[in-house]
Amino acid sequence: MDPALAAALTIVAGLLIVAVAAVLVTRFALNGTTSADRASVLTAVAELIRAIRGKR
């Protein structure tokens, strides 16, 4: 396999894993919350995702 293709597939797979994890964390965090608390929960999840990606 071409090394460039392997690197590209690794990057795409990593991004896909992070995206799926972000959706699942958001879904589980919002489960059972009231509408008044959803904004703060979404803000906390966004900060968590930024910290995982290293953009903080």
Protein backbone atom coordinates (compact mmCIF):
# COMPACT_ATOMS: atom_id res chain seq x y z
CA MET A 1 0.00 0.00 0.00
CA ASP A 2 1.17 3.48 -0.80
CA PRO A 3 2.41 5.32 2.35
CA ALA A 4 0.56 8.50 1.39
CA LEU A 5 -2.69 6.58 1.03
CA ALA A 6 -2.16 4.86 4.37
CA ALA A 7 -1.52 8.21 6.06
CA ALA A 8 -4.64 9.71 4.51
CA LEU A 9 -6.77 6.76 5.60
CA THR A 10 -5.37 7.00 9.12
CA ILE A 11 -6.24 10.69 9.33
CA VAL A 12 -9.76 10.13 7.99
CA ALA A 13 -10.33 7.25 10.39
CA GLY A 14 -9.14 9.37 13.32
CA LEU A 15 -11.45 12.23 12.40
CA LEU A 16 -14.35 9.82 12.02
CA ILE A 17 -13.72 8.36 15.47
CA VAL A 18 -13.58 11.83 17.05
CA ALA A 19 -16.79 12.87 15.27
CA VAL A 20 -18.68 9.78 16.39
CA ALA A 21 -17.42 10.22 19.95
CA ALA A 22 -18.55 13.86 19.95
CA VAL A 23 -22.04 12.90 18.79
CA LEU A 24 -22.32 10.15 21.39
CA VAL A 25 -21.07 12.36 24.23
CA THR A 26 -23.55 15.07 23.24
CA ARG A 27 -26.40 12.61 22.96
CA PHE A 28 -25.73 11.04 26.36
CA ALA A 29 -25.18 14.45 27.99
CA LEU A 30 -28.49 15.81 26.72
CA ASN A 31 -30.45 12.72 27.71
CA GLY A 32 -32.73 13.66 30.57
CA THR A 33 -31.81 17.35 30.81
CA THR A 34 -34.35 20.11 30.91
CA SER A 35 -34.46 22.72 28.18
CA ALA A 36 -33.09 25.35 30.57
CA ASP A 37 -29.91 23.32 31.14
CA ARG A 38 -29.21 22.33 27.54
CA ALA A 39 -27.20 25.44 26.65
CA SER A 40 -24.77 24.93 29.51
CA VAL A 41 -24.46 21.22 28.72
CA LEU A 42 -23.71 21.94 25.06
CA THR A 43 -21.12 24.54 26.06
CA ALA A 44 -19.40 22.04 28.34
CA VAL A 45 -19.41 19.37 25.63
CA ALA A 46 -17.94 21.84 23.12
CA GLU A 47 -15.14 22.70 25.56
CA LEU A 48 -14.46 18.99 26.09
CA ILE A 49 -14.23 18.36 22.36
CA ARG A 50 -11.90 21.34 21.89
CA ALA A 51 -9.68 20.00 24.69
CA ILE A 52 -9.55 16.55 23.10
CA ARG A 53 -8.63 18.01 19.72
CA GLY A 54 -5.99 20.26 21.28
CA LYS A 55 -7.52 23.55 20.18
CA ARG A 56 -7.81 24.95 23.67
